[in-house]
C-alpha atoms as a PDB file:
ATOM      1  CA  MET A   1       0.010  -0.078  -0.095  1.00  0.00           C
ATOM      2  CA  ARG A   2       1.261   3.523  -0.736  1.00  0.00           C
ATOM      3  CA  THR A   3      -0.460   6.974  -0.594  1.00  0.00           C
ATOM      4  CA  SER A   4      -0.723   8.779  -3.920  1.00  0.00           C
ATOM      5  CA  ASP A   5      -1.719  12.030  -2.638  1.00  0.00           C
ATOM      6  CA  SER A   6      -1.652  13.670   0.778  1.00  0.00           C
ATOM      7  CA  ALA A   7      -5.577  14.282   0.646  1.00  0.00           C
ATOM      8  CA  ALA A   8      -6.196  10.808  -0.525  1.00  0.00           C
ATOM      9  CA  PRO A   9      -6.492   7.613   1.333  1.00  0.00           C
ATOM     10  CA  PRO A  10      -3.915   4.936   1.038  1.00  0.00           C
ATOM     11  CA  VAL A  11      -4.086   3.035  -2.297  1.00  0.00           C
ATOM     12  CA  ASP A  12      -3.699  -0.691  -2.468  1.00  0.00           C
ATOM     13  CA  ASP A  13      -2.196  -1.134  -5.950  1.00  0.00           C
ATOM     14  CA  ASP A  14      -3.221  -4.664  -6.270  1.00  0.00           C
ATOM     15  CA  VAL A  15      -6.905  -4.165  -5.369  1.00  0.00           C
ATOM     16  CA  ASP A  16      -6.793  -1.120  -7.743  1.00  0.00           C
ATOM     17  CA  ARG A  17      -5.485  -3.037 -10.556  1.00  0.00           C
ATOM     18  CA  ARG A  18      -8.127  -5.888 -10.095  1.00  0.00           C
ATOM     19  CA  ARG A  19     -10.822  -3.242  -9.861  1.00  0.00           C
ATOM     20  CA  VAL A  20     -10.163  -1.389 -13.119  1.00  0.00           C
ATOM     21  CA  GLY A  21      -9.040  -4.571 -14.851  1.00  0.00           C
ATOM     22  CA  ILE A  22      -5.696  -3.431 -15.974  1.00  0.00           C
ATOM     23  CA  SER A  23      -2.152  -4.211 -15.187  1.00  0.00           C
ATOM     24  CA  PHE A  24       0.379  -1.495 -15.113  1.00  0.00           C
ATOM     25  CA  SER A  25       3.749  -0.283 -13.827  1.00  0.00           C
ATOM     26  CA  TYR A  26       3.884   2.652 -11.521  1.00  0.00           C
ATOM     27  CA  GLY A  27       5.091   4.873 -14.391  1.00  0.00           C
ATOM     28  CA  ASP A  28       1.870   4.263 -16.472  1.00  0.00           C
ATOM     29  CA  GLN A  29       0.314   7.599 -16.376  1.00  0.00           C
ATOM     30  CA  LYS A  30      -2.801   6.473 -18.153  1.00  0.00           C
ATOM     31  CA  ALA A  31      -3.633   3.857 -15.648  1.00  0.00           C
ATOM     32  CA  LEU A  32      -2.907   6.220 -12.818  1.00  0.00           C
ATOM     33  CA  ALA A  33      -5.411   8.792 -14.360  1.00  0.00           C
ATOM     34  CA  VAL A  34      -7.988   5.845 -14.541  1.00  0.00           C
ATOM     35  CA  ARG A  35      -7.540   5.385 -10.760  1.00  0.00           C
ATOM     36  CA  ARG A  36      -8.002   8.861  -9.923  1.00  0.00           C
ATOM     37  CA  SER A  37     -10.950   9.687 -12.148  1.00  0.00           C
ATOM     38  CA  ASP A  38     -13.778  11.386 -10.383  1.00  0.00           C
ATOM     39  CA  VAL A  39     -17.410  10.871 -11.357  1.00  0.00           C
ATOM     40  CA  THR A  40     -19.873  13.393 -10.274  1.00  0.00           C
ATOM     41  CA  GLY A  41     -22.259  12.147  -7.912  1.00  0.00           C
ATOM     42  CA  LEU A  42     -26.123  12.783  -7.845  1.00  0.00           C
ATOM     43  CA  HIS A  43     -26.014  14.542  -4.535  1.00  0.00           C
ATOM     44  CA  GLY A  44     -27.707  17.978  -4.874  1.00  0.00           C
ATOM     45  CA  LEU A  45     -29.130  16.913  -8.196  1.00  0.00           C
ATOM     46  CA  ARG A  46     -32.166  19.242  -8.098  1.00  0.00           C
ATOM     47  CA  ASN A  47     -29.997  22.252  -7.761  1.00  0.00           C
ATOM     48  CA  THR A  48     -27.873  21.642 -10.886  1.00  0.00           C
ATOM     49  CA  ALA A  49     -30.398  22.284 -13.685  1.00  0.00           C
ATOM     50  CA  PRO A  50     -30.283  22.451 -16.565  1.00  0.00           C
ATOM     51  CA  TYR A  51     -29.486  18.957 -17.411  1.00  0.00           C
ATOM     52  CA  PHE A  52     -27.539  17.046 -20.145  1.00  0.00           C
ATOM     53  CA  HIS A  53     -24.327  18.035 -21.826  1.00  0.00           C
ATOM     54  CA  ASN A  54     -26.231  20.638 -24.002  1.00  0.00           C
ATOM     55  CA  ASN A  55     -28.604  21.917 -21.395  1.00  0.00           C
ATOM     56  CA  SER A  56     -31.528  20.629 -23.159  1.00  0.00           C
ATOM     57  CA  ALA A  57     -33.514  19.487 -20.132  1.00  0.00           C
ATOM     58  CA  ALA A  58     -34.519  22.427 -17.940  1.00  0.00           C
ATOM     59  CA  THR A  59     -36.195  20.209 -15.328  1.00  0.00           C
ATOM     60  CA  LEU A  60     -35.871  16.778 -13.710  1.00  0.00           C
ATOM     61  CA  GLU A  61     -39.369  16.070 -15.364  1.00  0.00           C
ATOM     62  CA  GLU A  62     -37.899  16.422 -18.725  1.00  0.00           C
ATOM     63  CA  VAL A  63     -34.906  14.225 -18.043  1.00  0.00           C
ATOM     64  CA  VAL A  64     -37.335  11.423 -16.839  1.00  0.00           C
ATOM     65  CA  ASP A  65     -39.512  11.872 -19.949  1.00  0.00           C
ATOM     66  CA  HIS A  66     -36.449  11.835 -22.120  1.00  0.00           C
ATOM     67  CA  TYR A  67     -35.141   8.689 -20.821  1.00  0.00           C
ATOM     68  CA  THR A  68     -38.691   7.028 -20.921  1.00  0.00           C
ATOM     69  CA  GLU A  69     -38.767   7.662 -24.562  1.00  0.00           C
ATOM     70  CA  VAL A  70     -35.233   6.513 -25.159  1.00  0.00           C
ATOM     71  CA  PHE A  71     -35.873   3.066 -23.521  1.00  0.00           C
ATOM     72  CA  LYS A  72     -39.251   2.795 -25.401  1.00  0.00           C
ATOM     73  CA  ARG A  73     -37.428   3.483 -28.749  1.00  0.00           C
ATOM     74  CA  ALA A  74     -34.513   1.129 -27.939  1.00  0.00           C
ATOM     75  CA  LYS A  75     -37.115  -1.796 -27.405  1.00  0.00           C
ATOM     76  CA  VAL A  76     -38.870  -0.854 -30.561  1.00  0.00           C
ATOM     77  CA  ILE A  77     -36.082  -0.751 -33.032  1.00  0.00           C
ATOM     78  CA  ALA A  78     -34.110  -3.808 -31.526  1.00  0.00           C
ATOM     79  CA  PRO A  79     -33.919  -6.728 -34.059  1.00  0.00           C
ATOM     80  CA  PRO A  80     -36.030  -9.680 -33.179  1.00  0.00           C
ATOM     81  CA  GLY A  81     -34.296 -12.002 -30.640  1.00  0.00           C
ATOM     82  CA  VAL A  82     -31.851  -9.210 -29.615  1.00  0.00           C
ATOM     83  CA  VAL A  83     -31.994  -7.529 -26.146  1.00  0.00           C
ATOM     84  CA  PRO A  84     -30.231  -4.117 -26.212  1.00  0.00           C
ATOM     85  CA  PRO A  85     -27.735  -3.692 -23.476  1.00  0.00           C
ATOM     86  CA  LEU A  86     -29.321  -0.380 -22.575  1.00  0.00           C
ATOM     87  CA  LEU A  87     -32.482  -2.471 -21.632  1.00  0.00           C
ATOM     88  CA  SER A  88     -30.837  -5.443 -19.882  1.00  0.00           C
ATOM     89  CA  THR A  89     -28.835  -6.076 -16.875  1.00  0.00           C
ATOM     90  CA  ASP A  90     -27.883  -9.679 -17.953  1.00  0.00           C
ATOM     91  CA  GLY A  91     -27.817  -9.320 -21.710  1.00  0.00           C
ATOM     92  CA  VAL A  92     -30.533 -11.985 -22.046  1.00  0.00           C
ATOM     93  CA  HIS A  93     -33.680 -10.749 -20.590  1.00  0.00           C
ATOM     94  CA  PHE A  94     -35.238  -7.455 -20.701  1.00  0.00           C
ATOM     95  CA  ASP A  95     -35.289  -5.640 -17.369  1.00  0.00           C
ATOM     96  CA  ARG A  96     -38.655  -4.576 -15.818  1.00  0.00           C
ATOM     97  CA  PRO A  97     -39.934  -1.676 -17.802  1.00  0.00           C
ATOM     98  CA  PHE A  98     -40.487   1.813 -16.318  1.00  0.00           C
ATOM     99  CA  VAL A  99     -44.058   2.185 -15.196  1.00  0.00           C
ATOM    100  CA  PRO A 100     -45.737   5.621 -15.618  1.00  0.00           C
ATOM    101  CA  LYS A 101     -47.148   5.520 -12.192  1.00  0.00           C
ATOM    102  CA  GLU A 102     -43.808   5.339 -10.748  1.00  0.00           C
ATOM    103  CA  ARG A 103     -42.772   8.790 -12.333  1.00  0.00           C
ATOM    104  CA  ALA A 104     -43.733  10.855  -9.258  1.00  0.00           C
ATOM    105  CA  ALA A 105     -41.876   8.403  -6.807  1.00  0.00           C
ATOM    106  CA  LEU A 106     -38.885   8.591  -9.168  1.00  0.00           C
ATOM    107  CA  LEU A 107     -38.809  12.306  -9.352  1.00  0.00           C
ATOM    108  CA  ALA A 108     -39.456  12.723  -5.525  1.00  0.00           C
ATOM    109  CA  TYR A 109     -36.267  10.576  -5.011  1.00  0.00           C
ATOM    110  CA  LEU A 110     -34.147  12.507  -7.365  1.00  0.00           C
ATOM    111  CA  ARG A 111     -35.180  15.620  -5.820  1.00  0.00           C
ATOM    112  CA  LYS A 112     -34.136  14.263  -2.324  1.00  0.00           C
ATOM    113  CA  LEU A 113     -30.637  13.350  -3.373  1.00  0.00           C
END
């Protein structure tokens, strides 16, 4: 184990390599960048409008409506017998579809984050 930054917790290099599925030497800058990448969390999501890379959704309602349509379209355009990865956790079966009556609960959850 070693500490890569003074502010960061100790890093177990063997565990890190297994987690990202790569093997690297200590000098491999790309692999180090993968380990240090930070993904924006959902905390405070309600305060970060507009949404999407192009600011095309002004509200969380628009985001939910967008993804509802994306998932519907993905299922319609999929070739027979093919389960699109977007709609499947295991790649074989379609996941449970979004139910419109759950929309209010989903929006409440997103606002609470």
